[in-house]
Amino acid sequence: MTIGNVASALWRVGGGVAVLAAASMAFGGAANAQAKQQQSAWVKLCEDAQLRAKGADGKVKNEKKEICLTHHERLDGNTGTVIVSAAIREVKGSERKSLMVMVPLGMALPPGLRAAVYTPDQWKKAQANKKIDEKKLKPLSLKFSLCHPAGCTAETEATDQLVESMKTGGGLMILAVNAANQPVGFPVPLTGFTAAHKGKAVDNKLYAQQRGKLMAQIRARQKKIIAAARKKREEAQKKKN
């Protein structure tokens, strides 16, 4: 499974009406500079969680740790389902970081995912469906770790080199294989990643509120689409009669 020229040809896969998540909306009342840095929906979210770990005595115990996600998600503007999400996960006190990617259900699990960071120039070529020199890419393999109603998540270690390449990159191209054994591309722009990763975490409550508003807007749009389709069917039925 290649990720260069195949991915560029699949740039618009997962398209339709897509919207960015509530990251930029969560900065509505913040400083203007903060608002500008979130145009791509990259956002840092942090919270304290209880993690199980072995102590010095070898016994497993719960420890309170801060977990931060520098996170991006893209939603289908008609249904509200997640088209793709990507995040760098960091646990305070741990040197290990993870790259986590979630894609919709229906993807083949054994192959996992492939991902590659594109330079800004390569990203522009991919957007224009131009040929990419695969030899210049450094593909990653991600193994699926969890599936749930919203999708399936795959992950791999996020080395310092990977994180730095994301800071200077144009985009992250994700490649999956669907149930029909066909490649499916999920492009993730990296604009705003550096600012989000280096910056402070957003207020979780504010983020949740803004995301809730966004989902309400999507539900309202969905009702209009359903109503329009019903009206069209009824008019067509009247013409037949």
Protein backbone atom coordinates (compact mmCIF):
# COMPACT_ATOMS: atom_id res chain seq x y z
CA MET A 1 0.00 0.00 0.00
CA THR A 2 1.64 3.25 -1.12
CA ILE A 3 1.00 6.65 0.33
CA GLY A 4 2.54 9.02 -2.18
CA ASN A 5 0.93 9.15 -5.59
CA VAL A 6 -2.07 7.07 -4.53
CA ALA A 7 -2.74 9.48 -1.68
CA SER A 8 -2.48 12.52 -3.91
CA ALA A 9 -5.01 10.97 -6.29
CA LEU A 10 -7.31 10.42 -3.31
CA TRP A 11 -7.03 13.96 -1.98
CA ARG A 12 -10.77 14.53 -2.08
CA VAL A 13 -11.78 11.15 -0.62
CA GLY A 14 -13.91 11.66 2.47
CA GLY A 15 -15.18 14.92 0.99
CA GLY A 16 -18.74 16.12 0.73
CA VAL A 17 -19.69 18.85 3.12
CA ALA A 18 -17.02 18.80 5.79
CA VAL A 19 -16.52 21.22 8.66
CA LEU A 20 -13.76 21.82 11.17
CA ALA A 21 -14.50 20.98 14.77
CA ALA A 22 -14.99 23.48 17.56
CA ALA A 23 -11.33 24.36 18.09
CA SER A 24 -11.44 27.79 16.50
CA MET A 25 -14.88 28.45 18.01
CA ALA A 26 -13.48 27.79 21.49
CA PHE A 27 -11.24 30.82 21.05
CA GLY A 28 -14.12 33.14 20.25
CA GLY A 29 -13.63 35.15 23.42
CA ALA A 30 -9.84 34.84 23.62
CA ALA A 31 -7.17 37.13 22.27
CA ASN A 32 -7.12 37.73 18.55
CA ALA A 33 -3.72 36.08 18.16
CA GLN A 34 -5.04 32.94 19.81
CA ALA A 35 -8.07 32.93 17.53
CA LYS A 36 -5.92 33.15 14.41
CA GLN A 37 -3.74 30.22 15.41
CA GLN A 38 -6.74 27.87 15.50
CA GLN A 39 -8.00 28.28 11.95
CA SER A 40 -7.19 24.66 11.11
CA ALA A 41 -8.98 23.18 14.15
CA TRP A 42 -5.82 22.02 15.89
CA VAL A 43 -6.37 22.46 19.61
CA LYS A 44 -4.69 21.36 22.84
CA LEU A 45 -6.90 19.64 25.40
CA CYS A 46 -5.58 18.58 28.81
CA GLU A 47 -7.13 16.78 31.77
CA ASP A 48 -6.12 14.82 34.85
CA ALA A 49 -6.73 11.08 34.72
CA GLN A 50 -6.06 8.04 36.88
CA LEU A 51 -3.53 5.74 35.21
CA ARG A 52 -2.39 2.33 36.43
CA ALA A 53 1.37 1.99 36.83
CA LYS A 54 3.90 -0.10 38.75
CA GLY A 55 5.44 1.57 41.76
CA ALA A 56 9.00 1.18 43.06
CA ASP A 57 7.82 -1.83 45.06
CA GLY A 58 6.56 -3.54 41.90
CA LYS A 59 2.91 -3.22 42.90
CA VAL A 60 0.37 -1.80 40.44
CA LYS A 61 -1.34 1.32 41.68
CA ASN A 62 -3.35 4.25 40.34
CA GLU A 63 -1.52 7.50 39.71
CA LYS A 64 -3.00 10.87 38.84
CA LYS A 65 -1.40 12.15 35.64
CA GLU A 66 -2.08 15.06 33.31
CA ILE A 67 -2.81 13.87 29.77
CA CYS A 68 -2.69 16.35 26.88
CA LEU A 69 -3.89 15.88 23.31
CA THR A 70 -2.88 18.23 20.51
CA HIS A 71 -5.89 17.33 18.48
CA HIS A 72 -7.55 17.89 15.09
CA GLU A 73 -10.85 16.53 13.84
CA ARG A 74 -12.93 16.99 10.72
CA LEU A 75 -16.67 16.34 10.76
CA ASP A 76 -19.18 15.60 8.05
CA GLY A 77 -21.24 18.76 7.87
CA ASN A 78 -24.45 16.85 7.09
CA THR A 79 -24.29 14.05 9.66
CA GLY A 80 -21.84 15.19 12.34
CA THR A 81 -19.83 11.98 12.07
CA VAL A 82 -16.06 12.21 12.38
CA ILE A 83 -14.38 11.88 8.98
CA VAL A 84 -10.89 11.78 10.51
CA SER A 85 -9.20 12.84 13.72
CA ALA A 86 -5.52 12.94 14.62
CA ALA A 87 -3.76 13.73 17.88
CA ILE A 88 -0.40 13.78 19.61
CA ARG A 89 -0.93 12.29 23.08
CA GLU A 90 1.43 13.21 25.91
CA VAL A 91 1.41 12.09 29.53
CA LYS A 92 3.11 14.38 32.03
CA GLY A 93 6.25 12.77 33.41
CA SER A 94 6.59 10.34 30.49
CA GLU A 95 8.98 10.79 27.59
CA ARG A 96 6.87 8.61 25.30
CA LYS A 97 4.36 10.32 23.05
CA SER A 98 1.81 8.73 20.73
CA LEU A 99 0.30 9.62 17.38
CA MET A 100 -3.35 8.57 17.44
CA VAL A 101 -5.59 8.57 14.35
CA MET A 102 -9.28 7.72 14.17
CA VAL A 103 -11.02 6.81 10.90
CA PRO A 104 -14.65 5.77 10.23
CA LEU A 105 -15.89 2.21 10.68
CA GLY A 106 -15.69 -0.04 7.64
CA MET A 107 -11.91 -0.04 7.22
CA ALA A 108 -9.95 -3.31 7.09
CA LEU A 109 -8.24 -3.85 10.44
CA PRO A 110 -5.29 -6.19 9.65
CA PRO A 111 -3.45 -3.71 7.36
CA GLY A 112 -3.74 -0.94 9.93
CA LEU A 113 -3.08 2.59 8.72
CA ARG A 114 -0.21 4.22 6.87
CA ALA A 115 0.69 7.85 7.41
CA ALA A 116 3.26 10.32 6.13
CA VAL A 117 4.06 13.94 6.85
CA TYR A 118 4.18 16.01 3.66
CA THR A 119 6.33 19.08 3.31
CA PRO A 120 4.45 22.27 2.35
CA ASP A 121 5.55 21.79 -1.27
CA GLN A 122 4.43 18.14 -1.34
CA TRP A 123 1.12 19.13 0.26
CA LYS A 124 0.45 21.69 -2.48
CA LYS A 125 1.21 19.05 -5.12
CA ALA A 126 -1.15 16.59 -3.43
CA GLN A 127 -3.91 19.19 -3.40
CA ALA A 128 -3.37 19.72 -7.12
CA ASN A 129 -3.32 15.93 -7.75
CA LYS A 130 0.28 16.15 -8.93
CA LYS A 131 2.83 13.36 -8.69
CA ILE A 132 4.68 12.95 -5.38
CA ASP A 133 8.18 11.47 -5.14
CA GLU A 134 7.57 8.63 -2.70
CA LYS A 135 11.28 8.20 -2.04
CA LYS A 136 11.21 11.51 -0.16
CA LEU A 137 8.41 10.38 2.14
CA LYS A 138 8.93 8.65 5.50
CA PRO A 139 5.83 6.47 5.91
CA LEU A 140 4.62 5.31 9.30
CA SER A 141 2.63 2.22 10.20
CA LEU A 142 -0.16 2.52 12.76
CA LYS A 143 -1.87 -0.48 14.35
CA PHE A 144 -5.53 -0.38 15.30
CA SER A 145 -6.02 -0.51 19.06
CA LEU A 146 -9.70 0.22 19.58
CA CYS A 147 -13.01 0.36 17.70
CA HIS A 148 -16.21 1.98 18.97
CA PRO A 149 -19.39 3.41 17.41
CA ALA A 150 -17.60 6.61 16.32
CA GLY A 151 -14.79 4.82 14.46
CA CYS A 152 -11.53 2.90 14.89
CA THR A 153 -8.35 4.31 16.42
CA ALA A 154 -4.83 3.34 15.41
CA GLU A 155 -1.63 4.52 17.01
CA THR A 156 2.14 4.49 16.93
CA GLU A 157 4.94 6.14 18.88
CA ALA A 158 5.35 9.82 18.11
CA THR A 159 9.10 10.35 18.15
CA ASP A 160 10.60 13.81 18.60
CA GLN A 161 11.56 13.66 14.92
CA LEU A 162 7.94 13.03 13.90
CA VAL A 163 6.60 15.88 16.05
CA GLU A 164 9.21 18.28 14.65
CA SER A 165 8.35 17.26 11.09
CA MET A 166 4.68 17.96 11.84
CA LYS A 167 5.61 21.46 13.05
CA THR A 168 7.25 22.30 9.73
CA GLY A 169 5.06 20.12 7.48
CA GLY A 170 2.21 21.04 5.21
CA GLY A 171 -0.05 18.13 6.07
CA LEU A 172 -0.42 14.59 7.35
CA MET A 173 -1.77 12.08 4.85
CA ILE A 174 -3.52 9.04 6.31
CA LEU A 175 -4.12 5.99 4.14
CA ALA A 176 -6.48 3.13 5.02
CA VAL A 177 -7.92 0.13 3.16
CA ASN A 178 -11.68 -0.32 3.15
CA ALA A 179 -13.67 -3.58 3.21
CA ALA A 180 -13.53 -3.72 -0.61
CA ASN A 181 -9.71 -3.69 -0.41
CA GLN A 182 -9.60 -0.19 -1.91
CA PRO A 183 -7.28 2.55 -0.56
CA VAL A 184 -8.97 5.49 1.15
CA GLY A 185 -7.10 8.73 1.84
CA PHE A 186 -7.71 11.10 4.75
CA PRO A 187 -5.81 14.41 4.49
CA VAL A 188 -5.10 16.33 7.70
CA PRO A 189 -3.71 19.89 7.27
CA LEU A 190 -0.97 20.81 9.73
CA THR A 191 -1.56 24.55 9.66
CA GLY A 192 -1.89 25.64 13.28
CA PHE A 193 -0.35 22.48 14.76
CA THR A 194 2.79 24.20 16.06
CA ALA A 195 0.89 27.01 17.78
CA ALA A 196 -1.52 24.56 19.40
CA HIS A 197 1.23 22.19 20.52
CA LYS A 198 3.34 24.94 22.07
CA GLY A 199 0.43 26.94 23.43
CA LYS A 200 -1.74 26.58 26.49
CA ALA A 201 -4.62 24.12 26.65
CA VAL A 202 -8.07 25.53 25.91
CA ASP A 203 -10.78 25.52 28.53
CA ASN A 204 -12.39 22.06 28.35
CA LYS A 205 -15.85 23.30 29.35
CA LEU A 206 -15.77 26.08 26.75
CA TYR A 207 -14.59 23.64 24.10
CA ALA A 208 -17.39 21.20 24.96
CA GLN A 209 -19.95 24.00 24.82
CA GLN A 210 -18.78 25.23 21.43
CA ARG A 211 -18.65 21.69 20.06
CA GLY A 212 -22.19 21.16 21.32
CA LYS A 213 -23.32 24.29 19.46
CA LEU A 214 -21.62 23.03 16.31
CA MET A 215 -23.37 19.66 16.58
CA ALA A 216 -26.70 21.43 17.11
CA GLN A 217 -26.11 23.38 13.88
CA ILE A 218 -25.35 20.14 12.05
CA ARG A 219 -28.52 18.49 13.40
CA ALA A 220 -30.58 21.47 12.25
CA ARG A 221 -29.00 21.21 8.79
CA GLN A 222 -29.72 17.48 8.75
CA LYS A 223 -33.41 18.11 9.51
CA LYS A 224 -33.62 20.57 6.62
CA ILE A 225 -32.03 18.05 4.25
CA ILE A 226 -34.47 15.33 5.32
CA ALA A 227 -37.42 17.71 5.01
CA ALA A 228 -36.33 18.80 1.54
CA ALA A 229 -35.92 15.20 0.40
CA ARG A 230 -39.36 14.29 1.77
CA LYS A 231 -40.96 17.25 -0.01
CA LYS A 232 -39.28 16.28 -3.26
CA ARG A 233 -40.61 12.72 -3.00
CA GLU A 234 -44.12 13.95 -2.24
CA GLU A 235 -44.07 16.32 -5.22
CA ALA A 236 -42.83 13.54 -7.49
CA GLN A 237 -45.60 11.26 -6.22
CA LYS A 238 -48.23 13.92 -6.90
CA LYS A 239 -47.02 14.26 -10.49
CA LYS A 240 -47.37 10.50 -10.99
CA ASN A 241 -50.92 10.60 -9.72
